[in-house]
Protein backbone atom coordinates (compact mmCIF):
# COMPACT_ATOMS: atom_id res chain seq x y z
CA MET A 1 -2.65 -18.14 25.55
CA GLU A 2 -6.04 -17.33 24.89
CA GLN A 3 -6.97 -13.95 23.33
CA HIS A 4 -7.76 -11.90 26.29
CA GLU A 5 -4.37 -12.64 27.27
CA TYR A 6 -2.90 -10.64 24.29
CA ALA A 7 -4.77 -7.84 24.87
CA ALA A 8 -4.20 -8.09 29.04
CA GLY A 9 -2.01 -4.76 29.66
CA ALA A 10 -3.27 -2.19 27.78
CA ARG A 11 -4.43 -0.28 30.61
CA GLU A 12 -1.28 -0.84 32.15
CA ALA A 13 0.41 0.55 29.28
CA ALA A 14 -1.19 3.52 29.63
CA SER A 15 -0.04 3.96 33.04
CA GLY A 16 3.38 3.51 31.92
CA ALA A 17 3.25 -0.17 33.64
CA ALA A 18 4.43 -2.38 30.41
CA ASP A 19 5.55 -5.60 30.99
CA GLY A 20 8.01 -7.65 29.26
CA ARG A 21 7.64 -11.26 29.30
CA LEU A 22 8.11 -12.11 25.91
CA GLY A 23 11.13 -13.62 24.67
CA GLY A 24 12.39 -14.44 21.02
CA ALA A 25 13.19 -13.12 17.41
CA GLY A 26 10.14 -10.72 17.30
CA GLN A 27 9.61 -10.26 20.81
CA LEU A 28 9.39 -7.54 22.94
CA THR A 29 12.40 -5.16 23.48
CA VAL A 30 12.40 -3.61 26.85
CA HIS A 31 13.12 -0.06 26.59
CA ALA A 32 14.82 2.16 29.05
CA ARG A 33 12.06 4.20 31.16
CA THR A 34 13.55 7.85 30.84
CA GLY A 35 15.71 9.14 27.66
CA ALA A 36 13.28 9.23 24.68
CA TYR A 37 12.63 13.06 25.23
CA PRO A 38 16.28 14.42 24.15
CA ARG A 39 16.27 12.08 21.02
CA ALA A 40 12.79 13.44 20.01
CA GLU A 41 13.95 17.42 20.54
CA LEU A 42 17.20 16.09 18.47
CA LEU A 43 14.62 14.61 15.32
CA ALA A 44 12.33 17.57 15.96
CA ARG A 45 14.89 20.34 14.84
CA ARG A 46 15.86 17.92 12.25
CA PHE A 47 12.12 18.44 11.21
CA ALA A 48 11.97 22.12 12.11
CA ASP A 49 15.08 22.83 9.71
CA ALA A 50 13.49 20.57 6.72
CA ASP A 51 11.93 21.63 3.39
CA GLU A 52 8.73 20.06 2.92
CA ALA A 53 9.69 17.43 0.77
CA ALA A 54 12.60 16.63 3.08
CA ALA A 55 10.61 16.25 6.14
CA HIS A 56 8.30 13.57 4.35
CA GLU A 57 11.72 11.49 3.46
CA LEU A 58 12.73 11.99 6.92
CA PHE A 59 9.47 10.84 8.33
CA THR A 60 9.47 7.68 6.30
CA ALA A 61 12.78 7.22 7.30
CA VAL A 62 12.37 7.50 10.89
CA PHE A 63 9.18 5.67 11.49
CA GLY A 64 8.63 3.65 7.59
CA LEU A 65 4.91 3.49 8.66
CA TYR A 66 3.62 3.54 5.35
CA PRO A 67 1.25 0.71 3.51
CA ALA A 68 2.13 -1.84 0.56
CA ARG A 69 0.41 -0.82 -2.51
CA HIS A 70 -0.26 -3.61 -5.21
CA LEU A 71 -2.55 -3.79 -8.47
CA GLY A 72 -5.49 -5.80 -8.37
CA GLY A 73 -7.02 -8.51 -10.78
CA ARG A 74 -5.72 -11.72 -12.28
CA PRO A 75 -5.70 -11.61 -16.37
CA ALA A 76 -5.43 -14.76 -18.29
CA GLU A 77 -1.77 -15.56 -18.33
CA PRO A 78 -0.52 -13.55 -14.92
CA HIS A 79 2.66 -15.08 -15.34
CA GLY A 80 3.45 -14.36 -19.32
CA ALA A 81 5.94 -16.62 -21.44
CA PRO A 82 9.11 -17.45 -19.34
CA ASN A 83 11.45 -17.10 -22.02
CA ALA A 84 9.80 -14.13 -24.19
CA PRO A 85 7.10 -12.36 -21.81
CA ALA A 86 5.00 -10.18 -23.69
CA SER A 87 4.77 -6.35 -23.47
CA TRP A 88 2.01 -4.81 -20.80
CA TRP A 89 1.00 -2.84 -23.75
CA HIS A 90 0.00 -6.00 -25.81
CA GLY A 91 -0.41 -8.69 -23.44
CA PRO A 92 -3.36 -10.05 -21.31
CA THR A 93 -5.97 -7.40 -19.82
CA VAL A 94 -7.89 -7.44 -16.57
CA HIS A 95 -10.80 -5.47 -18.99
CA ARG A 96 -14.23 -6.09 -18.16
CA ALA A 97 -17.63 -4.72 -19.11
CA PRO A 98 -19.21 -2.51 -16.29
CA ALA A 99 -21.75 -5.34 -14.28
CA ALA A 100 -24.44 -3.70 -11.88
CA GLY A 101 -23.30 -1.58 -9.12
CA ARG A 102 -19.84 -1.62 -10.73
CA THR A 103 -20.03 2.47 -11.22
CA ARG A 104 -20.83 2.71 -7.71
CA GLY A 105 -19.96 6.22 -6.37
CA LEU A 106 -21.21 7.40 -9.69
CA ARG A 107 -24.04 9.65 -9.86
CA ARG A 108 -25.59 7.87 -13.00
CA ALA A 109 -23.95 5.04 -15.52
CA ARG A 110 -24.59 3.82 -18.51
CA GLN A 111 -24.53 0.02 -19.33
CA ASP A 112 -22.05 -0.16 -22.50
CA GLY A 113 -18.77 0.85 -20.93
CA ALA A 114 -15.49 -0.51 -19.58
CA GLY A 115 -13.39 -0.62 -16.83
CA GLY A 116 -13.48 -2.48 -13.52
CA ARG A 117 -11.76 -5.23 -11.49
CA VAL A 118 -12.41 -8.69 -11.56
CA PRO A 119 -15.30 -9.81 -9.70
CA PRO A 120 -14.82 -11.87 -6.96
CA GLN A 121 -15.85 -15.63 -7.16
CA ALA A 122 -19.07 -16.52 -5.60
CA ALA A 123 -19.15 -17.93 -2.30
CA PRO A 124 -19.99 -21.59 -1.89
CA GLY A 125 -23.73 -22.38 -0.91
CA ARG A 126 -24.12 -22.36 2.97
CA HIS A 127 -25.36 -25.98 2.90
CA ARG A 128 -21.76 -27.46 0.87
CA ARG A 129 -19.58 -29.16 2.77
CA PRO A 130 -15.92 -27.69 2.99
CA GLU A 131 -13.08 -29.72 1.38
CA ARG A 132 -10.85 -31.45 3.72
CA SER A 133 -7.38 -31.40 2.93
CA ARG A 134 -5.11 -34.38 4.35
CA SER A 135 -3.05 -31.80 5.83
CA THR A 136 -5.34 -29.38 7.30
CA GLY A 137 -3.14 -28.55 10.15
CA GLN A 138 0.24 -27.82 8.18
CA GLY A 139 -2.40 -25.70 5.65
CA ALA A 140 -3.95 -23.85 8.71
CA VAL A 141 -0.72 -22.62 10.28
CA VAL A 142 0.69 -21.43 6.52
CA GLY A 143 -2.89 -19.63 6.19
CA GLU A 144 -1.93 -18.21 9.38
CA ARG A 145 1.39 -16.81 9.05
CA ARG A 146 0.43 -15.20 5.50
CA THR A 147 -2.59 -13.43 6.96
CA ALA A 148 -0.42 -12.27 9.52
CA ALA A 149 2.59 -11.15 7.13
CA ARG A 150 -0.18 -9.41 4.74
CA LEU A 151 -1.96 -7.23 7.49
CA LEU A 152 1.74 -5.81 8.59
CA LEU A 153 2.83 -5.58 4.68
CA ALA A 154 -0.73 -3.40 4.42
CA HIS A 155 -0.50 -1.99 8.32
CA PRO A 156 3.13 -1.95 10.14
CA LEU A 157 1.43 -0.89 13.23
CA VAL A 158 -1.11 -3.51 14.69
CA THR A 159 -2.67 -2.93 18.23
CA ALA A 160 -4.70 -5.12 20.01
CA HIS A 161 -7.14 -2.62 20.82
CA GLY A 162 -6.93 -1.15 17.03
CA PRO A 163 -9.11 -1.22 14.18
CA HIS A 164 -6.83 -4.63 12.92
CA GLY A 165 -6.91 -5.98 16.82
CA ALA A 166 -8.59 -8.99 15.51
CA GLY A 167 -5.34 -9.85 13.58
CA PHE A 168 -3.15 -9.37 16.39
CA PRO A 169 -3.45 -12.87 17.98
CA LEU A 170 -1.79 -14.13 14.73
CA ILE A 171 0.68 -11.75 14.65
CA HIS A 172 1.53 -12.75 18.20
CA ARG A 173 1.31 -16.23 17.86
CA HIS A 174 3.87 -16.35 15.07
CA ALA A 175 5.74 -13.72 15.83
CA ASP A 176 9.62 -15.60 15.68
CA TRP A 177 8.55 -16.73 12.14
CA LEU A 178 7.41 -13.50 11.13
CA ALA A 179 10.41 -11.81 12.22
CA GLU A 180 12.62 -14.48 10.49
CA ARG A 181 10.88 -13.89 7.54
CA PHE A 182 10.77 -10.21 6.96
CA GLY A 183 14.56 -10.03 8.56
CA GLU A 184 15.67 -12.32 6.11
CA LEU A 185 13.80 -11.23 2.78
CA LEU A 186 13.18 -7.59 3.02
CA GLY A 187 15.69 -6.76 6.34
CA TYR A 188 12.71 -5.24 8.02
CA PRO A 189 12.87 -5.77 11.96
CA LEU A 190 9.59 -6.89 13.78
CA THR A 191 9.18 -5.92 17.02
CA VAL A 192 6.09 -7.35 18.93
CA GLY A 193 5.00 -6.14 22.48
CA SER A 194 1.98 -7.48 24.70
CA ALA A 195 -0.30 -5.32 22.94
CA HIS A 196 0.72 -4.01 20.00
CA ALA A 197 3.39 -4.97 16.55
CA ARG A 198 5.25 -2.83 14.66
CA LEU A 199 7.19 -3.67 11.41
CA HIS A 200 10.07 -1.77 10.84
CA LYS A 201 9.92 -0.62 7.19
CA ALA A 202 13.17 0.83 5.19
CA PRO A 203 12.92 4.29 3.97
CA LEU A 204 10.84 4.50 0.65
CA ALA A 205 10.54 7.92 -1.56
CA GLY A 206 6.83 8.96 -2.50
CA ARG A 207 5.39 7.93 1.02
CA THR A 208 3.96 11.30 2.29
CA LEU A 209 1.75 12.06 4.92
CA PRO A 210 -1.06 13.85 4.13
CA GLY A 211 -1.88 17.32 6.15
CA PHE A 212 1.72 17.05 8.03
CA ARG A 213 4.55 20.13 7.37
CA PRO A 214 7.46 20.38 9.01
CA ASP A 215 6.63 22.00 12.12
CA GLY A 216 3.97 19.40 12.43
CA TYR A 217 6.26 16.43 12.26
CA ALA A 218 8.25 18.40 14.98
CA ALA A 219 5.31 18.34 17.27
CA LEU A 220 4.89 14.77 16.67
CA VAL A 221 8.05 13.26 17.50
CA LEU A 222 7.94 15.90 20.72
CA ALA A 223 4.53 14.77 21.62
CA LEU A 224 5.73 11.44 21.08
CA GLY A 225 9.00 11.64 23.33
CA ALA A 226 6.63 13.18 26.10
CA ALA A 227 4.63 10.01 25.93
CA ALA A 228 7.17 7.93 26.08
CA ASP A 229 9.27 9.35 29.32
CA GLY A 230 5.78 9.95 31.16
CA ARG A 231 5.39 13.61 30.59
CA ILE A 232 2.09 15.18 29.28
CA PRO A 233 2.19 15.38 25.85
CA GLU A 234 1.51 18.95 24.13
CA LEU A 235 -1.81 17.87 21.68
CA GLU A 236 -3.34 21.11 20.56
CA ARG A 237 -2.32 20.29 16.81
CA PRO A 238 -5.20 18.75 15.33
CA GLU A 239 -3.22 16.69 12.94
CA VAL A 240 -0.60 15.46 16.02
CA LEU A 241 -3.79 14.11 17.57
CA GLY A 242 -5.33 13.16 15.09
CA LEU A 243 -2.48 10.55 14.04
CA LEU A 244 -1.62 9.45 17.34
CA THR A 245 -5.13 8.31 18.06
CA GLU A 246 -4.87 6.51 14.50
CA TRP A 247 -1.70 5.02 15.87
CA GLN A 248 -3.73 4.08 19.02
CA VAL A 249 -0.60 6.22 21.30
CA VAL A 250 -4.04 8.03 22.47
CA THR A 251 -6.79 6.60 23.01
CA SER A 252 -10.19 7.48 24.92
CA ASP A 253 -10.43 6.96 28.78
CA PRO A 254 -14.21 5.59 29.85
CA ASP A 255 -14.18 8.43 32.34
CA GLY A 256 -13.84 10.60 29.16
CA GLY A 257 -10.24 11.46 29.07
CA LEU A 258 -7.55 10.42 27.43
CA ALA A 259 -5.23 7.51 28.00
CA ILE A 260 -1.80 7.25 26.62
CA ASP A 261 0.10 3.88 25.71
CA ARG A 262 3.84 4.97 27.03
CA ASP A 263 5.27 1.72 25.87
CA LEU A 264 3.59 2.04 22.37
CA ALA A 265 5.32 5.55 22.14
CA ARG A 266 8.38 4.29 23.58
CA THR A 267 8.47 1.96 20.49
CA LEU A 268 7.78 4.05 17.75
CA LEU A 269 10.24 6.82 18.85
CA ALA A 270 13.02 4.17 19.38
CA GLU A 271 15.45 3.27 16.66
CA PRO A 272 14.82 -0.35 15.53
CA ALA A 273 17.05 -3.50 16.23
CA PRO A 274 18.69 -5.11 13.48
CA ALA A 275 16.43 -7.57 11.90
CA ALA A 276 16.41 -11.30 13.36
CA ALA A 277 17.95 -12.80 10.22
CA GLY A 278 19.87 -10.29 8.10
CA PRO A 279 18.96 -9.98 4.19
CA ALA A 280 20.97 -11.53 1.35
CA ALA A 281 23.74 -9.56 0.03
CA GLY A 282 24.09 -7.45 -2.99
CA PRO A 283 21.43 -5.94 -4.65
CA ALA A 284 18.07 -8.78 -3.39
CA PRO A 285 16.71 -7.23 -0.44
CA ALA A 286 16.44 -3.60 -2.51
CA VAL A 287 14.79 -4.96 -5.11
CA ARG A 288 12.80 -6.87 -3.39
CA ARG A 289 11.58 -4.14 -0.74
CA LEU A 290 10.16 -2.68 -4.75
CA LEU A 291 8.70 -5.75 -5.14
CA ALA A 292 6.98 -5.68 -1.96
CA GLU A 293 6.02 -2.12 -1.24
CA ASN A 294 5.06 -0.62 -5.10
CA PRO A 295 2.49 -1.73 -7.55
CA VAL A 296 5.12 -2.62 -10.29
CA VAL A 297 8.86 -2.79 -10.91
CA LEU A 298 10.17 -1.18 -14.21
CA VAL A 299 13.69 -2.58 -15.43
CA ASP A 300 14.70 0.16 -17.09
CA GLU A 301 14.42 1.94 -13.61
CA LEU A 302 16.48 -0.28 -11.89
CA ALA A 303 20.37 -0.08 -11.36
CA ALA A 304 22.46 -2.16 -13.53
CA THR A 305 22.94 -4.87 -10.68
CA GLU A 306 19.56 -4.88 -9.75
CA ARG A 307 18.42 -5.31 -13.11
CA THR A 308 20.46 -8.07 -13.97
CA TRP A 309 19.75 -9.72 -10.53
CA LEU A 310 15.87 -9.53 -11.22
CA LEU A 311 15.95 -10.80 -14.40
CA GLY A 312 17.81 -13.80 -13.33
CA ARG A 313 15.55 -14.49 -10.42
CA LEU A 314 11.98 -13.78 -12.36
CA PRO A 315 10.14 -17.00 -11.36
CA ALA A 316 11.93 -17.73 -8.22
CA GLU A 317 10.80 -14.29 -6.82
CA ALA A 318 7.38 -15.36 -8.15
CA GLU A 319 7.10 -18.43 -6.24
CA LEU A 320 9.04 -16.83 -3.23
CA PHE A 321 6.17 -13.82 -2.81
CA ALA A 322 3.32 -16.59 -3.90
CA ASP A 323 4.23 -18.65 -0.68
CA PHE A 324 5.02 -15.37 1.57
CA LEU A 325 2.09 -13.14 0.78
CA GLY A 326 -0.20 -14.87 -1.39
CA LEU A 327 0.55 -12.36 -4.19
CA GLU A 328 0.93 -13.27 -7.79
CA ALA A 329 3.24 -12.14 -10.32
CA GLU A 330 2.89 -10.89 -13.59
CA ILE A 331 6.04 -10.95 -15.77
CA ARG A 332 6.24 -8.88 -18.68
CA SER A 333 8.87 -7.35 -21.05
CA GLU A 334 8.92 -4.14 -19.30
CA GLY A 335 8.91 -5.63 -15.38
CA MET A 336 7.27 -7.58 -13.01
CA ALA A 337 4.16 -6.72 -10.76
CA LEU A 338 3.10 -8.44 -7.61
CA LEU A 339 -1.04 -8.84 -7.83
CA ASP A 340 -3.36 -8.85 -4.78
CA PRO A 341 -6.15 -10.86 -6.20
CA ALA A 342 -8.33 -10.35 -2.89
CA ASP A 343 -7.70 -6.28 -3.77
CA GLU A 344 -6.76 -5.97 -0.45
CA LEU A 345 -3.72 -3.78 -0.74
CA SER A 346 -5.18 -2.16 -3.95
CA ASP A 347 -6.06 1.83 -4.32
CA LEU A 348 -7.93 0.92 -7.30
CA ALA A 349 -10.30 -1.02 -5.95
CA ASP A 350 -13.79 0.11 -4.70
CA ALA A 351 -12.61 0.10 -1.00
CA GLY A 352 -9.73 1.55 -1.66
CA GLY A 353 -9.97 4.20 -3.98
CA GLY A 354 -13.42 5.29 -3.47
CA PRO A 355 -15.59 6.89 -6.11
CA ILE A 356 -12.68 8.40 -7.98
CA ALA A 357 -10.98 4.68 -8.62
CA PRO A 358 -13.54 3.77 -11.12
CA THR A 359 -13.11 7.06 -12.86
CA ALA A 360 -9.43 6.42 -12.72
CA LEU A 361 -9.46 3.18 -14.00
CA LEU A 362 -11.88 4.77 -17.32
CA LEU A 363 -9.05 7.53 -17.98
CA ALA A 364 -6.30 5.11 -17.79
CA GLU A 365 -8.30 2.69 -20.52
CA ARG A 366 -9.06 5.71 -22.69
CA LEU A 367 -5.91 7.13 -22.66
CA VAL A 368 -4.00 3.60 -23.48
CA GLU A 369 -6.25 2.96 -26.59
CA GLU A 370 -4.77 6.55 -27.92
CA LEU A 371 -1.75 6.11 -27.00
CA ARG A 372 -0.38 2.69 -26.95
CA PRO A 373 2.09 1.79 -29.67
CA LEU A 374 1.13 -0.91 -32.46
CA PRO A 375 2.21 -4.94 -31.96
CA GLU A 376 4.75 -4.31 -34.90
CA GLU A 377 6.08 -0.87 -33.01
CA ALA A 378 8.26 -0.77 -30.11
CA ALA A 379 7.47 -1.19 -27.02
CA PRO A 380 8.43 1.96 -24.78
CA PRO A 381 8.06 1.52 -21.00
CA ALA A 382 6.27 4.98 -20.96
CA VAL A 383 4.44 6.98 -23.79
CA LEU A 384 4.27 10.89 -23.15
CA VAL A 385 0.44 11.85 -22.61
CA PRO A 386 -0.88 15.50 -24.36
CA ASP A 387 -2.21 17.13 -21.67
CA ALA A 388 -5.41 18.09 -23.86
CA LEU A 389 -5.88 14.48 -23.97
CA ILE A 390 -6.67 14.25 -20.06
CA ASP A 391 -8.94 17.08 -20.38
CA GLY A 392 -10.90 15.63 -23.34
CA ALA A 393 -11.23 11.92 -21.86
CA LEU A 394 -11.97 13.12 -18.55
CA GLY A 395 -14.73 15.76 -20.00
CA ASP A 396 -16.35 11.90 -22.30
CA ILE A 397 -15.82 10.01 -19.11
CA THR A 398 -18.16 12.23 -16.96
CA ASP A 399 -20.64 12.92 -19.91
CA ASP A 400 -20.82 8.83 -20.49
CA TYR A 401 -20.71 7.91 -16.74
CA GLY A 402 -21.34 11.53 -14.44
CA LEU A 403 -19.19 12.37 -12.01
CA PRO A 404 -17.88 10.79 -8.66
CA ASP A 405 -20.36 11.29 -5.86
CA ARG A 406 -18.04 12.67 -3.03
CA PRO A 407 -19.43 14.64 -0.35
CA GLU A 408 -16.34 16.29 0.68
CA CYS A 409 -16.35 17.66 -2.71
CA ASP A 410 -18.18 19.15 -5.21
CA TYR A 411 -16.55 17.92 -8.52
CA LEU A 412 -19.22 20.06 -10.83
CA ALA A 413 -18.47 23.00 -9.32
CA ASP A 414 -14.52 21.96 -9.38
CA ARG A 415 -13.33 20.15 -12.43
CA THR A 416 -9.72 20.99 -11.45
CA ALA A 417 -10.21 18.98 -8.07
CA LEU A 418 -11.32 16.35 -10.46
CA ARG A 419 -8.69 15.99 -12.56
CA ARG A 420 -6.00 16.47 -9.80
CA ASP A 421 -7.90 13.64 -7.72
CA VAL A 422 -8.06 11.19 -10.58
CA LEU A 423 -4.76 11.85 -11.91
CA ASP A 424 -2.89 11.23 -8.28
CA LEU A 425 -4.93 8.24 -8.01
CA LEU A 426 -3.26 6.80 -11.05
CA HIS A 427 0.01 8.23 -10.06
CA ARG A 428 0.14 6.66 -6.62
CA MET A 429 -0.70 3.39 -7.77
CA GLN A 430 2.29 4.02 -10.58
CA LEU A 431 0.19 3.59 -13.95
CA ILE A 432 1.48 7.55 -14.72
CA ALA A 433 4.64 9.29 -13.97
CA PRO A 434 5.27 13.19 -13.96
CA ALA A 435 7.42 14.40 -16.60
CA GLY A 436 7.84 18.08 -16.11
CA ARG A 437 4.78 19.70 -16.22
CA ASN A 438 3.44 16.87 -18.10
CA TRP A 439 2.65 13.28 -17.58
CA VAL A 440 3.88 9.96 -19.09
CA LEU A 441 1.32 6.74 -19.53
CA ARG A 442 3.19 3.80 -18.15
CA ALA A 443 2.95 0.08 -19.87
CA PRO A 444 1.24 -1.48 -17.14
CA ALA A 445 -1.70 1.02 -17.14
CA ALA A 446 -2.66 -1.34 -20.66
CA ARG A 447 -3.55 -3.89 -18.29
CA TYR A 448 -7.03 -2.38 -17.48
CA ALA A 449 -7.85 -1.68 -21.30
CA PRO A 450 -9.56 -3.93 -24.08
CA GLN A 451 -7.27 -5.86 -26.08
CA LEU A 452 -5.58 -4.09 -28.76
CA GLU A 453 -7.67 -3.77 -31.82
CA LEU A 454 -5.95 -2.86 -34.96
CA HIS A 455 -8.62 -0.82 -36.26
CA PRO A 456 -10.28 0.66 -33.42
CA ALA A 457 -13.58 2.68 -34.03
CA PRO A 458 -12.98 6.41 -33.52
CA GLY A 459 -13.87 8.49 -30.42
CA THR A 460 -17.47 9.93 -30.43
CA GLY A 461 -17.48 11.90 -27.59
CA ARG A 462 -17.80 15.67 -28.11
CA HIS A 463 -14.76 16.64 -25.75
CA SER A 464 -12.38 13.88 -28.15
CA ARG A 465 -9.33 15.05 -29.45
CA PRO A 466 -8.18 14.31 -32.71
């Protein structure tokens, strides 16, 4: 099938004339033409009656449209010793001295310093002939499937005309295989229509939707229910219109109006069918979901059965995720992280974290240098961070490197906002965690700091605390 056939029906879907021609494990499920609004009303009442935290959890449980997050960079020894892996506190790091442009987004930068990710390898010369493999055809299929799976992991909703529409033909082409693998490994159902693909992820704590409160969630599901049943949705709330536009349920009409994709609205609101291939019994699906979606998994934070299962499966799971998603395992004594060498799934990359990312990495580096245990000491999964140390380290960093240049927030006038945004990014990437009113620094943060020196030079910044 040609690409224009994949996109055919977008206008038909907007008028409610979606087709259901595709069959197979990962293909379109035909929805009833009526009946979505009553379900939306029930959901809206549940959202309206919930507090803010419960509403965020309910949204994640109903929609599951959160992106995976992974650490980037490749250390010298990514897997670690199979029998006695080193601690993150003392193991190989991805620390690099800043190169030209590494501090992009900061108002000024010094040449001697630290922080940053591994630079990408140089592209081959334009006159160089590509190497050909004897199994070129098979390798192309493997590459297409991996690309499609990574796209769905990062963006569980992909539409033919959306920002990631270039990858939709790959998902469409390998829908059956993708549905089988996501179902078998993670228990995620996959729905693929003529112009959209939706991966139904399982509930996951901490994946909130910025800008939404319980009443906003209620308005969102009512708008989806109305759109699914052919009614005119209420779109007065800007956050609802913004999200439905991002999801491509609402698009701009050539005549200046709004077009509604009713088939997509039904898909988003419908309860997912069971996965095409059920996941393995026991702790496997729960642990694999944590590995697939989170930057790090610490064994001390797993249930006993999950911890036992993971510790007995570390090499096998590393190989599985490398084949399926192209993620490389970093195995340490505290746990396991799946790294994205391409930095496409990392908020700490320049494109993901923006100008805040370099500052966040520098803060992680400074905190690790102050707080990590010595090699002869016990290596805990996390250590408490004195509050004054955060403020002092941030003060030193902004003295040395300047403030992040973010037009929507003047950090020069609001240093509290800088502290909040930097800590929020490190928290999202699971390098720090809240502990009451304080923070703890988690062991994986040490992968972004220099190798441990037994006699480091004392800090000289004027904000440094003894």
